[in-house]
Amino acid sequence: MNKISVGEEERIKIMIVEDNVEVAESIKNYLTSENFEVTIYNEAPEALTELKKGVYHLVLLDLRMPKMSGEEMLRKMREGGWNIPVIILTAYPSVKSAIESLKLQAFDYIEKPFKMSRLLDTINSVIKERGITTRPKEILMSRVGERMRFLRNEKKLTLRQLATRAGVSPSLLSKIEVGSSSPSLFTIYRVAKSLEISLRSFFEDMEV
């Protein structure tokens, strides 16, 4: 899970996972000029490792890469509980890869070459639809939700099963998991107890 630090408002952070250095730098330069904070990784395994260390609001992911494909990286992200929006970028589009990407909850699938304005429009759509923010309180709400979903999946519990154990409504837990509701400490305590972990364990990957 991502560690978070709730402090002053900062720029939206985008991770580019692309083995073509020239393409990656071109995208980075454009998005930096649009006031995004952009980091490039040329290999998927390295990018996955970094996702565990830092907060990223969005991932731009190439499909064909050495060592690990973009599709495999996306699958590992979802299996690991990361709900970070992902935009697929590929020079080798196919119906099969598009369907697989969407099954893995990719936000969009963009064929290379593309206009930077098209990419920016898609990123802005992600920000609007997912309610991405850099405001500290909303970041905290989002990360609490991600942590709860990760722990629930780790215990192989459905949302309804966890809600029943914790004595709270499934709709409330659903809102917490997507970051649209701020849980009370008592609710987090009940969820942690239902997951058979301590409050300390619940927050162990979160710097607040």
N, C-alpha and C. Protein backbone atom coordinates (compact mmCIF):
# COMPACT_ATOMS: atom_id res chain seq x y z
N MET A 1 0.84 -1.20 0.00
CA MET A 1 0.00 0.00 0.00
C MET A 1 0.87 1.25 0.00
N ASN A 2 0.29 2.35 -0.45
CA ASN A 2 1.03 3.59 -0.52
C ASN A 2 1.16 4.25 0.85
N LYS A 3 2.32 4.81 1.14
CA LYS A 3 2.45 5.66 2.31
C LYS A 3 1.99 7.05 1.93
N ILE A 4 1.39 7.74 2.88
CA ILE A 4 0.93 9.08 2.58
C ILE A 4 1.43 10.05 3.62
N SER A 5 1.59 11.26 3.21
CA SER A 5 1.96 12.33 4.12
C SER A 5 0.98 13.46 3.92
N VAL A 6 0.22 13.78 4.93
CA VAL A 6 -0.80 14.81 4.80
C VAL A 6 -0.22 16.14 5.23
N GLY A 7 0.08 16.97 4.29
CA GLY A 7 0.66 18.27 4.59
C GLY A 7 0.04 19.33 3.72
N GLU A 8 0.86 20.20 3.17
CA GLU A 8 0.35 21.27 2.33
C GLU A 8 -0.10 20.72 0.98
N GLU A 9 -0.99 21.49 0.33
CA GLU A 9 -1.48 21.09 -0.97
C GLU A 9 -0.32 21.00 -1.96
N GLU A 10 -0.34 19.98 -2.80
CA GLU A 10 0.74 19.79 -3.76
C GLU A 10 0.15 19.46 -5.12
N ARG A 11 1.04 19.31 -6.10
CA ARG A 11 0.58 19.02 -7.45
C ARG A 11 0.15 17.56 -7.59
N ILE A 12 -0.72 17.31 -8.55
CA ILE A 12 -1.14 15.95 -8.85
C ILE A 12 0.05 15.18 -9.42
N LYS A 13 0.28 13.99 -8.87
CA LYS A 13 1.46 13.20 -9.24
C LYS A 13 1.09 12.10 -10.24
N ILE A 14 1.81 12.09 -11.34
CA ILE A 14 1.57 11.12 -12.40
C ILE A 14 2.80 10.25 -12.60
N MET A 15 2.59 8.95 -12.67
CA MET A 15 3.67 8.01 -12.97
C MET A 15 3.56 7.59 -14.43
N ILE A 16 4.66 7.70 -15.16
CA ILE A 16 4.72 7.20 -16.54
C ILE A 16 5.55 5.92 -16.53
N VAL A 17 4.97 4.84 -17.04
CA VAL A 17 5.70 3.57 -17.15
C VAL A 17 5.82 3.28 -18.65
N GLU A 18 7.00 3.55 -19.18
CA GLU A 18 7.21 3.53 -20.63
C GLU A 18 8.68 3.23 -20.93
N ASP A 19 8.94 2.19 -21.73
CA ASP A 19 10.33 1.81 -22.00
C ASP A 19 10.98 2.65 -23.09
N ASN A 20 10.18 3.38 -23.87
CA ASN A 20 10.73 4.28 -24.88
C ASN A 20 11.06 5.61 -24.22
N VAL A 21 12.34 5.85 -24.00
CA VAL A 21 12.78 7.03 -23.25
C VAL A 21 12.34 8.32 -23.91
N GLU A 22 12.44 8.38 -25.23
CA GLU A 22 12.07 9.60 -25.95
C GLU A 22 10.59 9.91 -25.79
N VAL A 23 9.76 8.90 -25.92
CA VAL A 23 8.31 9.08 -25.75
C VAL A 23 7.99 9.52 -24.32
N ALA A 24 8.61 8.85 -23.35
CA ALA A 24 8.37 9.16 -21.95
C ALA A 24 8.75 10.60 -21.62
N GLU A 25 9.91 11.03 -22.10
CA GLU A 25 10.37 12.39 -21.83
C GLU A 25 9.48 13.43 -22.49
N SER A 26 8.99 13.11 -23.68
CA SER A 26 8.10 14.03 -24.38
C SER A 26 6.80 14.24 -23.60
N ILE A 27 6.24 13.14 -23.10
CA ILE A 27 5.01 13.23 -22.31
C ILE A 27 5.28 13.98 -21.01
N LYS A 28 6.40 13.66 -20.37
CA LYS A 28 6.74 14.31 -19.11
C LYS A 28 6.87 15.82 -19.28
N ASN A 29 7.58 16.24 -20.31
CA ASN A 29 7.79 17.68 -20.55
C ASN A 29 6.46 18.40 -20.75
N TYR A 30 5.57 17.77 -21.50
CA TYR A 30 4.27 18.40 -21.76
C TYR A 30 3.45 18.50 -20.48
N LEU A 31 3.37 17.41 -19.73
CA LEU A 31 2.55 17.41 -18.52
C LEU A 31 3.14 18.29 -17.42
N THR A 32 4.46 18.37 -17.37
CA THR A 32 5.10 19.26 -16.40
C THR A 32 4.74 20.71 -16.70
N SER A 33 4.66 21.04 -17.99
CA SER A 33 4.27 22.40 -18.38
C SER A 33 2.82 22.69 -18.02
N GLU A 34 2.03 21.62 -17.81
CA GLU A 34 0.63 21.77 -17.40
C GLU A 34 0.48 21.68 -15.88
N ASN A 35 1.61 21.77 -15.17
CA ASN A 35 1.66 21.83 -13.71
C ASN A 35 1.39 20.50 -13.01
N PHE A 36 1.69 19.39 -13.68
CA PHE A 36 1.65 18.09 -13.03
C PHE A 36 3.06 17.72 -12.57
N GLU A 37 3.13 16.91 -11.53
CA GLU A 37 4.42 16.37 -11.08
C GLU A 37 4.56 14.98 -11.69
N VAL A 38 5.58 14.78 -12.51
CA VAL A 38 5.68 13.55 -13.31
C VAL A 38 6.97 12.79 -13.02
N THR A 39 6.84 11.48 -12.85
CA THR A 39 8.00 10.61 -12.65
C THR A 39 7.96 9.49 -13.69
N ILE A 40 9.12 9.19 -14.26
CA ILE A 40 9.21 8.16 -15.30
C ILE A 40 9.89 6.90 -14.76
N TYR A 41 9.32 5.75 -15.12
CA TYR A 41 9.96 4.46 -14.87
C TYR A 41 9.95 3.69 -16.19
N ASN A 42 11.09 3.14 -16.56
CA ASN A 42 11.21 2.47 -17.85
C ASN A 42 10.93 0.98 -17.78
N GLU A 43 10.75 0.45 -16.57
CA GLU A 43 10.44 -0.97 -16.40
C GLU A 43 9.33 -1.14 -15.38
N ALA A 44 8.41 -2.05 -15.66
CA ALA A 44 7.25 -2.26 -14.80
C ALA A 44 7.61 -2.76 -13.39
N PRO A 45 8.55 -3.71 -13.23
CA PRO A 45 8.87 -4.16 -11.86
C PRO A 45 9.34 -3.02 -10.96
N GLU A 46 10.16 -2.13 -11.52
CA GLU A 46 10.65 -0.98 -10.76
C GLU A 46 9.48 -0.06 -10.39
N ALA A 47 8.56 0.13 -11.34
CA ALA A 47 7.41 1.00 -11.09
C ALA A 47 6.53 0.43 -9.98
N LEU A 48 6.32 -0.88 -9.98
CA LEU A 48 5.52 -1.52 -8.93
C LEU A 48 6.15 -1.32 -7.56
N THR A 49 7.46 -1.45 -7.50
CA THR A 49 8.17 -1.23 -6.23
C THR A 49 7.97 0.19 -5.74
N GLU A 50 8.05 1.15 -6.66
CA GLU A 50 7.90 2.55 -6.28
C GLU A 50 6.47 2.88 -5.85
N LEU A 51 5.49 2.19 -6.42
CA LEU A 51 4.10 2.42 -6.02
C LEU A 51 3.89 2.12 -4.54
N LYS A 52 4.68 1.20 -4.00
CA LYS A 52 4.56 0.84 -2.59
C LYS A 52 5.14 1.92 -1.68
N LYS A 53 5.98 2.78 -2.25
CA LYS A 53 6.70 3.76 -1.44
C LYS A 53 6.07 5.15 -1.46
N GLY A 54 5.45 5.52 -2.58
CA GLY A 54 4.98 6.89 -2.71
C GLY A 54 3.55 6.99 -3.20
N VAL A 55 3.03 8.19 -3.14
CA VAL A 55 1.65 8.44 -3.57
C VAL A 55 1.65 8.89 -5.02
N TYR A 56 0.88 8.22 -5.84
CA TYR A 56 0.65 8.63 -7.22
C TYR A 56 -0.85 8.68 -7.45
N HIS A 57 -1.29 9.72 -8.14
CA HIS A 57 -2.72 9.88 -8.39
C HIS A 57 -3.16 9.21 -9.68
N LEU A 58 -2.20 8.96 -10.58
CA LEU A 58 -2.55 8.45 -11.91
C LEU A 58 -1.32 7.77 -12.52
N VAL A 59 -1.57 6.68 -13.27
CA VAL A 59 -0.49 5.98 -13.96
C VAL A 59 -0.76 5.96 -15.46
N LEU A 60 0.24 6.35 -16.25
CA LEU A 60 0.20 6.22 -17.71
C LEU A 60 1.05 5.01 -18.04
N LEU A 61 0.44 3.99 -18.62
CA LEU A 61 1.08 2.68 -18.71
C LEU A 61 1.17 2.16 -20.15
N ASP A 62 2.41 1.93 -20.60
CA ASP A 62 2.63 1.31 -21.90
C ASP A 62 2.35 -0.19 -21.78
N LEU A 63 1.89 -0.81 -22.87
CA LEU A 63 1.56 -2.23 -22.80
C LEU A 63 2.76 -3.14 -23.09
N ARG A 64 3.52 -2.82 -24.14
CA ARG A 64 4.64 -3.69 -24.52
C ARG A 64 5.94 -3.20 -23.92
N MET A 65 6.42 -3.93 -22.92
CA MET A 65 7.68 -3.59 -22.27
C MET A 65 8.44 -4.87 -21.93
N PRO A 66 9.78 -4.79 -21.84
CA PRO A 66 10.55 -5.98 -21.45
C PRO A 66 10.33 -6.31 -19.97
N LYS A 67 10.64 -7.51 -19.59
CA LYS A 67 10.56 -8.01 -18.21
C LYS A 67 9.12 -8.22 -17.74
N MET A 68 8.26 -7.21 -17.91
CA MET A 68 6.87 -7.35 -17.50
C MET A 68 6.01 -6.45 -18.38
N SER A 69 4.94 -7.00 -18.93
CA SER A 69 4.06 -6.20 -19.79
C SER A 69 3.22 -5.24 -18.96
N GLY A 70 2.67 -4.24 -19.63
CA GLY A 70 1.79 -3.31 -18.94
C GLY A 70 0.54 -4.00 -18.42
N GLU A 71 0.04 -4.97 -19.18
CA GLU A 71 -1.15 -5.70 -18.75
C GLU A 71 -0.87 -6.47 -17.46
N GLU A 72 0.30 -7.10 -17.39
CA GLU A 72 0.66 -7.85 -16.18
C GLU A 72 0.83 -6.91 -14.99
N MET A 73 1.43 -5.75 -15.23
CA MET A 73 1.59 -4.78 -14.15
C MET A 73 0.23 -4.32 -13.64
N LEU A 74 -0.69 -4.04 -14.57
CA LEU A 74 -2.02 -3.60 -14.18
C LEU A 74 -2.74 -4.69 -13.37
N ARG A 75 -2.57 -5.93 -13.78
CA ARG A 75 -3.19 -7.04 -13.05
C ARG A 75 -2.64 -7.12 -11.62
N LYS A 76 -1.33 -6.97 -11.48
CA LYS A 76 -0.70 -7.02 -10.16
C LYS A 76 -1.16 -5.85 -9.30
N MET A 77 -1.36 -4.70 -9.91
CA MET A 77 -1.87 -3.54 -9.17
C MET A 77 -3.24 -3.83 -8.59
N ARG A 78 -4.12 -4.37 -9.42
CA ARG A 78 -5.49 -4.64 -8.95
C ARG A 78 -5.50 -5.76 -7.91
N GLU A 79 -4.68 -6.78 -8.12
CA GLU A 79 -4.60 -7.87 -7.14
C GLU A 79 -4.04 -7.38 -5.81
N GLY A 80 -3.18 -6.36 -5.87
CA GLY A 80 -2.59 -5.81 -4.66
C GLY A 80 -3.46 -4.78 -3.96
N GLY A 81 -4.62 -4.48 -4.54
CA GLY A 81 -5.54 -3.55 -3.89
C GLY A 81 -5.38 -2.10 -4.30
N TRP A 82 -4.49 -1.82 -5.28
CA TRP A 82 -4.33 -0.45 -5.75
C TRP A 82 -5.48 -0.08 -6.68
N ASN A 83 -6.17 0.98 -6.35
CA ASN A 83 -7.28 1.44 -7.18
C ASN A 83 -6.91 2.70 -7.96
N ILE A 84 -5.61 2.91 -8.15
CA ILE A 84 -5.13 4.10 -8.86
C ILE A 84 -5.61 4.06 -10.31
N PRO A 85 -6.14 5.17 -10.83
CA PRO A 85 -6.56 5.19 -12.23
C PRO A 85 -5.38 4.95 -13.17
N VAL A 86 -5.62 4.17 -14.21
CA VAL A 86 -4.57 3.84 -15.18
C VAL A 86 -5.06 4.15 -16.59
N ILE A 87 -4.24 4.86 -17.34
CA ILE A 87 -4.52 5.11 -18.76
C ILE A 87 -3.51 4.30 -19.56
N ILE A 88 -4.01 3.43 -20.42
CA ILE A 88 -3.14 2.59 -21.25
C ILE A 88 -2.71 3.38 -22.49
N LEU A 89 -1.41 3.31 -22.81
CA LEU A 89 -0.86 3.92 -24.02
C LEU A 89 -0.18 2.81 -24.81
N THR A 90 -0.57 2.61 -26.07
CA THR A 90 0.04 1.52 -26.83
C THR A 90 0.16 1.82 -28.31
N ALA A 91 1.28 1.38 -28.88
CA ALA A 91 1.50 1.50 -30.32
C ALA A 91 1.02 0.25 -31.04
N TYR A 92 0.55 -0.74 -30.28
CA TYR A 92 0.11 -2.01 -30.84
C TYR A 92 -1.31 -2.34 -30.35
N PRO A 93 -2.28 -1.54 -30.75
CA PRO A 93 -3.65 -1.75 -30.26
C PRO A 93 -4.27 -3.02 -30.83
N SER A 94 -5.11 -3.63 -30.02
CA SER A 94 -5.87 -4.80 -30.47
C SER A 94 -7.14 -4.87 -29.64
N VAL A 95 -8.14 -5.50 -30.21
CA VAL A 95 -9.40 -5.65 -29.49
C VAL A 95 -9.18 -6.45 -28.21
N LYS A 96 -8.35 -7.50 -28.31
CA LYS A 96 -8.09 -8.36 -27.15
C LYS A 96 -7.45 -7.58 -26.00
N SER A 97 -6.39 -6.81 -26.30
CA SER A 97 -5.71 -6.09 -25.22
C SER A 97 -6.59 -4.97 -24.67
N ALA A 98 -7.42 -4.38 -25.53
CA ALA A 98 -8.33 -3.33 -25.06
C ALA A 98 -9.35 -3.91 -24.08
N ILE A 99 -9.90 -5.06 -24.43
CA ILE A 99 -10.90 -5.71 -23.56
C ILE A 99 -10.27 -6.12 -22.23
N GLU A 100 -9.06 -6.71 -22.30
CA GLU A 100 -8.38 -7.13 -21.07
C GLU A 100 -8.07 -5.94 -20.18
N SER A 101 -7.65 -4.84 -20.80
CA SER A 101 -7.32 -3.63 -20.02
C SER A 101 -8.55 -3.08 -19.32
N LEU A 102 -9.67 -3.06 -20.03
CA LEU A 102 -10.90 -2.54 -19.44
C LEU A 102 -11.43 -3.47 -18.36
N LYS A 103 -11.22 -4.78 -18.54
CA LYS A 103 -11.61 -5.73 -17.49
C LYS A 103 -10.83 -5.47 -16.21
N LEU A 104 -9.59 -5.00 -16.38
CA LEU A 104 -8.74 -4.69 -15.23
C LEU A 104 -8.92 -3.24 -14.78
N GLN A 105 -10.01 -2.64 -15.24
CA GLN A 105 -10.44 -1.30 -14.81
C GLN A 105 -9.49 -0.19 -15.23
N ALA A 106 -8.89 -0.33 -16.42
CA ALA A 106 -8.16 0.80 -17.00
C ALA A 106 -9.18 1.89 -17.30
N PHE A 107 -8.80 3.13 -17.08
CA PHE A 107 -9.74 4.23 -17.32
C PHE A 107 -9.93 4.48 -18.81
N ASP A 108 -8.84 4.37 -19.57
CA ASP A 108 -8.93 4.58 -21.01
C ASP A 108 -7.79 3.84 -21.70
N TYR A 109 -7.92 3.72 -23.01
CA TYR A 109 -6.98 2.95 -23.84
C TYR A 109 -6.68 3.83 -25.05
N ILE A 110 -5.46 4.38 -25.10
CA ILE A 110 -5.11 5.36 -26.13
C ILE A 110 -4.05 4.80 -27.07
N GLU A 111 -4.33 4.91 -28.36
CA GLU A 111 -3.40 4.41 -29.37
C GLU A 111 -2.32 5.45 -29.68
N LYS A 112 -1.08 4.99 -29.77
CA LYS A 112 0.03 5.85 -30.19
C LYS A 112 0.12 5.83 -31.72
N PRO A 113 0.56 6.92 -32.33
CA PRO A 113 0.83 8.22 -31.72
C PRO A 113 -0.48 8.96 -31.42
N PHE A 114 -0.43 9.86 -30.46
CA PHE A 114 -1.63 10.61 -30.08
C PHE A 114 -1.25 12.07 -29.88
N LYS A 115 -2.26 12.92 -29.95
CA LYS A 115 -2.03 14.33 -29.67
C LYS A 115 -1.98 14.54 -28.16
N MET A 116 -1.07 15.38 -27.72
CA MET A 116 -0.95 15.64 -26.29
C MET A 116 -2.25 16.22 -25.73
N SER A 117 -2.96 16.96 -26.55
CA SER A 117 -4.23 17.54 -26.09
C SER A 117 -5.23 16.44 -25.77
N ARG A 118 -5.18 15.35 -26.54
CA ARG A 118 -6.07 14.20 -26.27
C ARG A 118 -5.73 13.57 -24.93
N LEU A 119 -4.44 13.42 -24.67
CA LEU A 119 -4.01 12.84 -23.40
C LEU A 119 -4.42 13.74 -22.24
N LEU A 120 -4.23 15.05 -22.40
CA LEU A 120 -4.59 15.99 -21.34
C LEU A 120 -6.09 15.96 -21.07
N ASP A 121 -6.89 15.88 -22.12
CA ASP A 121 -8.35 15.79 -21.94
C ASP A 121 -8.72 14.54 -21.14
N THR A 122 -8.05 13.43 -21.44
CA THR A 122 -8.33 12.18 -20.73
C THR A 122 -7.92 12.29 -19.26
N ILE A 123 -6.76 12.88 -19.01
CA ILE A 123 -6.30 13.07 -17.63
C ILE A 123 -7.27 13.94 -16.86
N ASN A 124 -7.74 15.01 -17.49
CA ASN A 124 -8.70 15.89 -16.82
C ASN A 124 -10.02 15.17 -16.54
N SER A 125 -10.39 14.24 -17.43
CA SER A 125 -11.60 13.44 -17.20
C SER A 125 -11.42 12.53 -16.00
N VAL A 126 -10.22 11.94 -15.88
CA VAL A 126 -9.92 11.10 -14.72
C VAL A 126 -10.04 11.91 -13.43
N ILE A 127 -9.43 13.09 -13.44
CA ILE A 127 -9.44 13.95 -12.25
C ILE A 127 -10.87 14.29 -11.84
N LYS A 128 -11.70 14.61 -12.84
CA LYS A 128 -13.08 15.00 -12.56
C LYS A 128 -13.92 13.81 -12.09
N GLU A 129 -13.84 12.69 -12.82
CA GLU A 129 -14.69 11.54 -12.51
C GLU A 129 -14.27 10.82 -11.24
N ARG A 130 -12.97 10.79 -10.96
CA ARG A 130 -12.48 10.10 -9.76
C ARG A 130 -12.37 11.03 -8.55
N GLY A 131 -12.60 12.31 -8.77
CA GLY A 131 -12.52 13.25 -7.66
C GLY A 131 -11.12 13.35 -7.09
N ILE A 132 -10.11 13.26 -7.96
CA ILE A 132 -8.72 13.32 -7.49
C ILE A 132 -8.42 14.71 -6.94
N THR A 133 -7.76 14.74 -5.82
CA THR A 133 -7.46 16.00 -5.17
C THR A 133 -6.08 15.95 -4.53
N THR A 134 -5.51 17.11 -4.28
CA THR A 134 -4.25 17.17 -3.55
C THR A 134 -4.46 17.84 -2.20
N ARG A 135 -5.74 18.05 -1.83
CA ARG A 135 -6.02 18.64 -0.52
C ARG A 135 -5.84 17.58 0.56
N PRO A 136 -5.13 17.92 1.65
CA PRO A 136 -4.75 16.94 2.67
C PRO A 136 -5.88 16.08 3.21
N LYS A 137 -7.01 16.69 3.58
CA LYS A 137 -8.10 15.91 4.17
C LYS A 137 -8.64 14.88 3.18
N GLU A 138 -8.78 15.29 1.92
CA GLU A 138 -9.33 14.37 0.93
C GLU A 138 -8.33 13.28 0.57
N ILE A 139 -7.04 13.60 0.60
CA ILE A 139 -6.02 12.57 0.39
C ILE A 139 -6.12 11.52 1.49
N LEU A 140 -6.26 11.98 2.73
CA LEU A 140 -6.36 11.06 3.86
C LEU A 140 -7.58 10.16 3.71
N MET A 141 -8.73 10.73 3.34
CA MET A 141 -9.94 9.93 3.14
C MET A 141 -9.72 8.86 2.08
N SER A 142 -9.05 9.25 1.00
CA SER A 142 -8.80 8.32 -0.09
C SER A 142 -7.90 7.18 0.35
N ARG A 143 -6.85 7.50 1.10
CA ARG A 143 -5.89 6.47 1.52
C ARG A 143 -6.47 5.54 2.59
N VAL A 144 -7.33 6.09 3.46
CA VAL A 144 -8.01 5.23 4.43
C VAL A 144 -8.88 4.23 3.69
N GLY A 145 -9.58 4.70 2.65
CA GLY A 145 -10.41 3.81 1.85
C GLY A 145 -9.61 2.73 1.15
N GLU A 146 -8.47 3.12 0.58
CA GLU A 146 -7.60 2.16 -0.10
C GLU A 146 -7.08 1.11 0.88
N ARG A 147 -6.71 1.57 2.07
CA ARG A 147 -6.17 0.66 3.08
C ARG A 147 -7.25 -0.34 3.52
N MET A 148 -8.46 0.17 3.72
CA MET A 148 -9.55 -0.70 4.15
C MET A 148 -9.85 -1.76 3.08
N ARG A 149 -9.89 -1.34 1.83
CA ARG A 149 -10.18 -2.28 0.74
C ARG A 149 -9.07 -3.32 0.63
N PHE A 150 -7.82 -2.89 0.77
CA PHE A 150 -6.68 -3.81 0.70
C PHE A 150 -6.77 -4.87 1.79
N LEU A 151 -7.04 -4.44 3.02
CA LEU A 151 -7.12 -5.38 4.14
C LEU A 151 -8.32 -6.32 3.99
N ARG A 152 -9.44 -5.78 3.50
CA ARG A 152 -10.63 -6.63 3.29
C ARG A 152 -10.34 -7.70 2.25
N ASN A 153 -9.70 -7.30 1.14
CA ASN A 153 -9.37 -8.27 0.09
C ASN A 153 -8.37 -9.31 0.59
N GLU A 154 -7.45 -8.86 1.44
CA GLU A 154 -6.45 -9.77 1.99
C GLU A 154 -7.12 -10.85 2.83
N LYS A 155 -8.21 -10.48 3.51
CA LYS A 155 -8.96 -11.44 4.33
C LYS A 155 -10.01 -12.20 3.52
N LYS A 156 -10.09 -11.86 2.21
CA LYS A 156 -11.05 -12.50 1.30
C LYS A 156 -12.49 -12.33 1.77
N LEU A 157 -12.81 -11.10 2.18
CA LEU A 157 -14.16 -10.77 2.63
C LEU A 157 -14.86 -9.89 1.61
N THR A 158 -16.15 -10.10 1.43
CA THR A 158 -16.93 -9.19 0.60
C THR A 158 -17.24 -7.95 1.44
N LEU A 159 -17.69 -6.91 0.78
CA LEU A 159 -18.06 -5.68 1.48
C LEU A 159 -19.17 -5.97 2.49
N ARG A 160 -20.15 -6.75 2.08
CA ARG A 160 -21.28 -7.07 2.97
C ARG A 160 -20.82 -7.90 4.17
N GLN A 161 -19.91 -8.84 3.95
CA GLN A 161 -19.42 -9.66 5.06
C GLN A 161 -18.70 -8.81 6.11
N LEU A 162 -17.86 -7.89 5.63
CA LEU A 162 -17.14 -7.02 6.57
C LEU A 162 -18.11 -6.10 7.30
N ALA A 163 -19.10 -5.58 6.58
CA ALA A 163 -20.08 -4.69 7.19
C ALA A 163 -20.85 -5.42 8.29
N THR A 164 -21.21 -6.67 8.04
CA THR A 164 -21.94 -7.46 9.04
C THR A 164 -21.08 -7.68 10.28
N ARG A 165 -19.83 -8.02 10.06
CA ARG A 165 -18.91 -8.26 11.19
C ARG A 165 -18.71 -6.99 12.02
N ALA A 166 -18.59 -5.84 11.32
CA ALA A 166 -18.30 -4.59 12.01
C ALA A 166 -19.55 -3.91 12.56
N GLY A 167 -20.72 -4.37 12.13
CA GLY A 167 -21.96 -3.78 12.60
C GLY A 167 -22.22 -2.41 12.01
N VAL A 168 -21.79 -2.21 10.76
CA VAL A 168 -22.05 -0.95 10.05
C VAL A 168 -22.70 -1.28 8.71
N SER A 169 -23.24 -0.28 8.05
CA SER A 169 -23.95 -0.54 6.81
C SER A 169 -22.98 -0.74 5.65
N PRO A 170 -23.31 -1.64 4.71
CA PRO A 170 -22.47 -1.84 3.53
C PRO A 170 -22.29 -0.55 2.72
N SER A 171 -23.34 0.28 2.68
CA SER A 171 -23.26 1.52 1.90
C SER A 171 -22.23 2.47 2.50
N LEU A 172 -22.13 2.50 3.85
CA LEU A 172 -21.14 3.35 4.50
C LEU A 172 -19.73 2.87 4.17
N LEU A 173 -19.51 1.55 4.28
CA LEU A 173 -18.18 1.01 3.96
C LEU A 173 -17.82 1.27 2.50
N SER A 174 -18.81 1.16 1.62
CA SER A 174 -18.57 1.41 0.20
C SER A 174 -18.11 2.85 -0.02
N LYS A 175 -18.77 3.79 0.66
CA LYS A 175 -18.40 5.21 0.53
C LYS A 175 -17.01 5.47 1.10
N ILE A 176 -16.68 4.78 2.20
CA ILE A 176 -15.35 4.95 2.79
C ILE A 176 -14.28 4.42 1.84
N GLU A 177 -14.54 3.26 1.23
CA GLU A 177 -13.55 2.63 0.36
C GLU A 177 -13.26 3.45 -0.89
N VAL A 178 -14.25 4.19 -1.38
CA VAL A 178 -14.01 5.02 -2.58
C VAL A 178 -13.60 6.44 -2.21
N GLY A 179 -13.47 6.70 -0.90
CA GLY A 179 -12.98 7.99 -0.45
C GLY A 179 -14.00 9.11 -0.47
N SER A 180 -15.29 8.77 -0.53
CA SER A 180 -16.31 9.82 -0.58
C SER A 180 -16.92 10.11 0.79
N SER A 181 -16.49 9.36 1.81
CA SER A 181 -17.00 9.58 3.16
C SER A 181 -15.85 9.47 4.15
N SER A 182 -15.84 10.36 5.12
CA SER A 182 -14.79 10.36 6.14
C SER A 182 -15.24 9.53 7.34
N PRO A 183 -14.57 8.40 7.63
CA PRO A 183 -15.02 7.55 8.73
C PRO A 183 -14.60 8.11 10.08
N SER A 184 -15.41 7.84 11.09
CA SER A 184 -15.02 8.20 12.45
C SER A 184 -13.97 7.21 12.93
N LEU A 185 -13.22 7.60 13.95
CA LEU A 185 -12.21 6.71 14.51
C LEU A 185 -12.88 5.46 15.07
N PHE A 186 -14.10 5.61 15.60
CA PHE A 186 -14.83 4.47 16.15
C PHE A 186 -15.16 3.46 15.05
N THR A 187 -15.56 3.98 13.87
CA THR A 187 -15.86 3.08 12.75
C THR A 187 -14.61 2.33 12.31
N ILE A 188 -13.48 3.04 12.24
CA ILE A 188 -12.22 2.39 11.86
C ILE A 188 -11.85 1.33 12.89
N TYR A 189 -12.08 1.65 14.17
CA TYR A 189 -11.79 0.69 15.24
C TYR A 189 -12.63 -0.58 15.06
N ARG A 190 -13.91 -0.42 14.76
CA ARG A 190 -14.80 -1.57 14.59
C ARG A 190 -14.38 -2.40 13.37
N VAL A 191 -13.98 -1.72 12.30
CA VAL A 191 -13.52 -2.43 11.11
C VAL A 191 -12.23 -3.18 11.41
N ALA A 192 -11.29 -2.51 12.07
CA ALA A 192 -10.01 -3.15 12.41
C ALA A 192 -10.24 -4.38 13.28
N LYS A 193 -11.12 -4.25 14.26
CA LYS A 193 -11.42 -5.38 15.15
C LYS A 193 -12.03 -6.53 14.36
N SER A 194 -12.90 -6.20 13.40
CA SER A 194 -13.53 -7.24 12.57
C SER A 194 -12.52 -7.94 11.67
N LEU A 195 -11.46 -7.21 11.31
CA LEU A 195 -10.40 -7.78 10.48
C LEU A 195 -9.34 -8.48 11.33
N GLU A 196 -9.55 -8.43 12.65
CA GLU A 196 -8.64 -9.07 13.62
C GLU A 196 -7.25 -8.46 13.57
N ILE A 197 -7.22 -7.12 13.46
CA ILE A 197 -5.96 -6.39 13.51
C ILE A 197 -6.12 -5.22 14.47
N SER A 198 -5.00 -4.64 14.89
CA SER A 198 -5.04 -3.49 15.78
C SER A 198 -5.17 -2.21 14.97
N LEU A 199 -5.54 -1.12 15.66
CA LEU A 199 -5.57 0.18 14.98
C LEU A 199 -4.19 0.54 14.44
N ARG A 200 -3.16 0.20 15.20
CA ARG A 200 -1.79 0.46 14.75
C ARG A 200 -1.51 -0.23 13.42
N SER A 201 -1.96 -1.49 13.31
CA SER A 201 -1.76 -2.24 12.07
C SER A 201 -2.53 -1.62 10.91
N PHE A 202 -3.73 -1.10 11.22
CA PHE A 202 -4.54 -0.48 10.17
C PHE A 202 -3.80 0.70 9.54
N PHE A 203 -3.12 1.48 10.38
CA PHE A 203 -2.45 2.69 9.90
C PHE A 203 -0.96 2.50 9.64
N GLU A 204 -0.46 1.26 9.66
CA GLU A 204 0.98 1.05 9.64
C GLU A 204 1.66 1.57 8.37
N ASP A 205 0.97 1.63 7.24
CA ASP A 205 1.58 2.10 6.00
C ASP A 205 1.20 3.54 5.68
N MET A 206 0.66 4.24 6.67
CA MET A 206 0.19 5.60 6.42
C MET A 206 0.88 6.57 7.37
N GLU A 207 1.57 7.56 6.78
CA GLU A 207 2.20 8.61 7.58
C GLU A 207 1.25 9.79 7.62
N VAL A 208 0.70 10.09 8.80
CA VAL A 208 -0.27 11.17 8.90
C VAL A 208 0.20 12.21 9.90
